[in-house]
Amino acid sequence: MTQITIWHNPRCSKSRQALSFLQERDIDAEVVKYLDVSHSEQEIKKLLDMLGISARELMRTKEAVYKELGLKNVEDEDKLIKAMVENPKLIERPIVIKGDKAVIARPLERVLEII
């Protein structure tokens, strides 16, 4: 069976709901507290490929740091990825990964797409 991983922020209600969703289905998932773990630009690029989205689509555009860094008008994917590496709070959550597929679990039911 392919391992399931969840990029989790315990302070986020949506992230807690996604983890509970998995646990209620007896799905053992590796929990990665992504705010506490450094991720490389390569890891973020791989995640974007698994999600099938752009860097901007992975970003929490309402975070204060997004505005502070002036990212609204940045079009360069590498610069946006670097901003997420340096400021993981910018990364949308929760993210559930299985094999070479991933989903942002918003809405929560999106988890069903890969489990």
Protein backbone atom coordinates (compact mmCIF):
# COMPACT_ATOMS: atom_id res chain seq x y z
CA MET A 1 0.00 0.00 0.00
CA THR A 2 1.28 3.43 -0.92
CA GLN A 3 2.09 5.70 2.02
CA ILE A 4 -0.11 8.74 2.52
CA THR A 5 1.46 11.95 3.77
CA ILE A 6 -0.28 15.07 4.99
CA TRP A 7 1.41 18.46 5.14
CA HIS A 8 -0.23 19.61 8.32
CA ASN A 9 -0.48 22.73 10.46
CA PRO A 10 -2.04 21.80 13.81
CA ARG A 11 -3.15 25.40 14.32
CA CYS A 12 -5.31 25.31 11.15
CA SER A 13 -8.87 24.00 11.54
CA LYS A 14 -8.99 22.76 7.92
CA SER A 15 -5.75 20.88 8.44
CA ARG A 16 -7.05 19.31 11.66
CA GLN A 17 -10.24 18.32 9.85
CA ALA A 18 -8.28 16.65 7.05
CA LEU A 19 -6.18 14.68 9.53
CA SER A 20 -9.32 13.58 11.38
CA PHE A 21 -10.92 12.64 8.05
CA LEU A 22 -8.03 10.26 7.37
CA GLN A 23 -7.97 8.89 10.92
CA GLU A 24 -11.74 8.23 10.90
CA ARG A 25 -11.17 6.01 7.87
CA ASP A 26 -8.32 4.16 9.60
CA ILE A 27 -5.85 5.61 7.10
CA ASP A 28 -2.42 5.83 8.65
CA ALA A 29 -0.73 8.94 7.35
CA GLU A 30 2.71 10.36 7.88
CA VAL A 31 2.16 13.81 9.37
CA VAL A 32 4.61 16.47 8.22
CA LYS A 33 4.35 19.70 10.18
CA TYR A 34 5.50 21.66 7.18
CA LEU A 35 6.01 24.90 9.13
CA ASP A 36 8.63 23.10 11.26
CA VAL A 37 10.44 21.34 8.40
CA SER A 38 12.58 23.02 5.77
CA HIS A 39 11.58 22.18 2.22
CA SER A 40 13.83 22.80 -0.76
CA GLU A 41 12.86 24.52 -3.97
CA GLN A 42 13.09 21.12 -5.65
CA GLU A 43 10.60 19.62 -3.17
CA ILE A 44 8.15 22.46 -3.78
CA LYS A 45 8.52 22.04 -7.56
CA LYS A 46 7.85 18.30 -7.22
CA LEU A 47 4.79 19.04 -5.10
CA LEU A 48 3.53 21.51 -7.71
CA ASP A 49 3.93 18.83 -10.39
CA MET A 50 1.96 16.34 -8.26
CA LEU A 51 -0.76 18.93 -7.68
CA GLY A 52 -0.77 20.03 -11.32
CA ILE A 53 -0.91 23.71 -10.37
CA SER A 54 1.20 26.85 -10.55
CA ALA A 55 3.20 28.26 -7.65
CA ARG A 56 0.68 31.07 -7.18
CA GLU A 57 -2.15 28.54 -6.83
CA LEU A 58 -0.28 26.95 -3.91
CA MET A 59 0.12 30.27 -2.13
CA ARG A 60 -1.95 31.72 0.66
CA THR A 61 -2.39 35.13 -0.92
CA LYS A 62 -4.15 36.64 2.11
CA GLU A 63 -1.19 36.12 4.44
CA ALA A 64 0.46 39.33 5.62
CA VAL A 65 3.87 38.10 4.43
CA TYR A 66 2.46 37.76 0.88
CA LYS A 67 1.64 41.46 0.88
CA GLU A 68 4.85 42.43 2.71
CA LEU A 69 6.96 40.70 0.05
CA GLY A 70 4.98 42.32 -2.78
CA LEU A 71 4.26 38.97 -4.41
CA LYS A 72 1.02 40.02 -6.10
CA ASN A 73 2.79 41.23 -9.22
CA VAL A 74 5.56 38.62 -9.31
CA GLU A 75 5.15 36.34 -12.33
CA ASP A 76 8.41 34.38 -12.05
CA GLU A 77 7.59 30.87 -10.77
CA ASP A 78 11.07 30.41 -9.32
CA LYS A 79 10.73 33.60 -7.26
CA LEU A 80 7.35 32.48 -5.94
CA ILE A 81 8.76 29.06 -5.06
CA LYS A 82 11.72 30.65 -3.31
CA ALA A 83 9.31 32.82 -1.31
CA MET A 84 7.47 29.66 -0.16
CA VAL A 85 10.73 27.95 0.80
CA GLU A 86 11.76 30.98 2.86
CA ASN A 87 8.25 31.56 4.24
CA PRO A 88 6.41 28.23 4.51
CA LYS A 89 3.41 30.04 6.00
CA LEU A 90 2.65 31.01 2.38
CA ILE A 91 1.95 27.37 1.46
CA GLU A 92 -1.73 26.45 1.28
CA ARG A 93 -2.84 23.65 3.56
CA PRO A 94 -3.63 20.89 4.13
CA ILE A 95 -1.94 18.92 1.38
CA VAL A 96 -2.48 15.18 1.14
CA ILE A 97 0.01 13.16 -0.90
CA LYS A 98 -0.20 9.57 -2.11
CA GLY A 99 2.39 8.23 -4.51
CA ASP A 100 2.84 10.74 -7.32
CA LYS A 101 -0.48 12.50 -6.72
CA ALA A 102 -1.43 15.23 -4.29
CA VAL A 103 -4.43 17.40 -3.48
CA ILE A 104 -5.02 20.51 -1.46
CA ALA A 105 -7.80 19.29 0.82
CA ARG A 106 -10.03 22.33 0.36
CA PRO A 107 -12.79 21.33 0.34
CA LEU A 108 -12.09 18.38 2.58
CA GLU A 109 -13.73 15.90 0.22
CA ARG A 110 -10.89 16.39 -2.26
CA VAL A 111 -8.97 13.84 -0.18
CA LEU A 112 -11.25 11.17 -1.66
CA GLU A 113 -9.66 11.83 -5.06
CA ILE A 114 -6.43 10.12 -4.02
CA ILE A 115 -7.17 7.72 -1.16
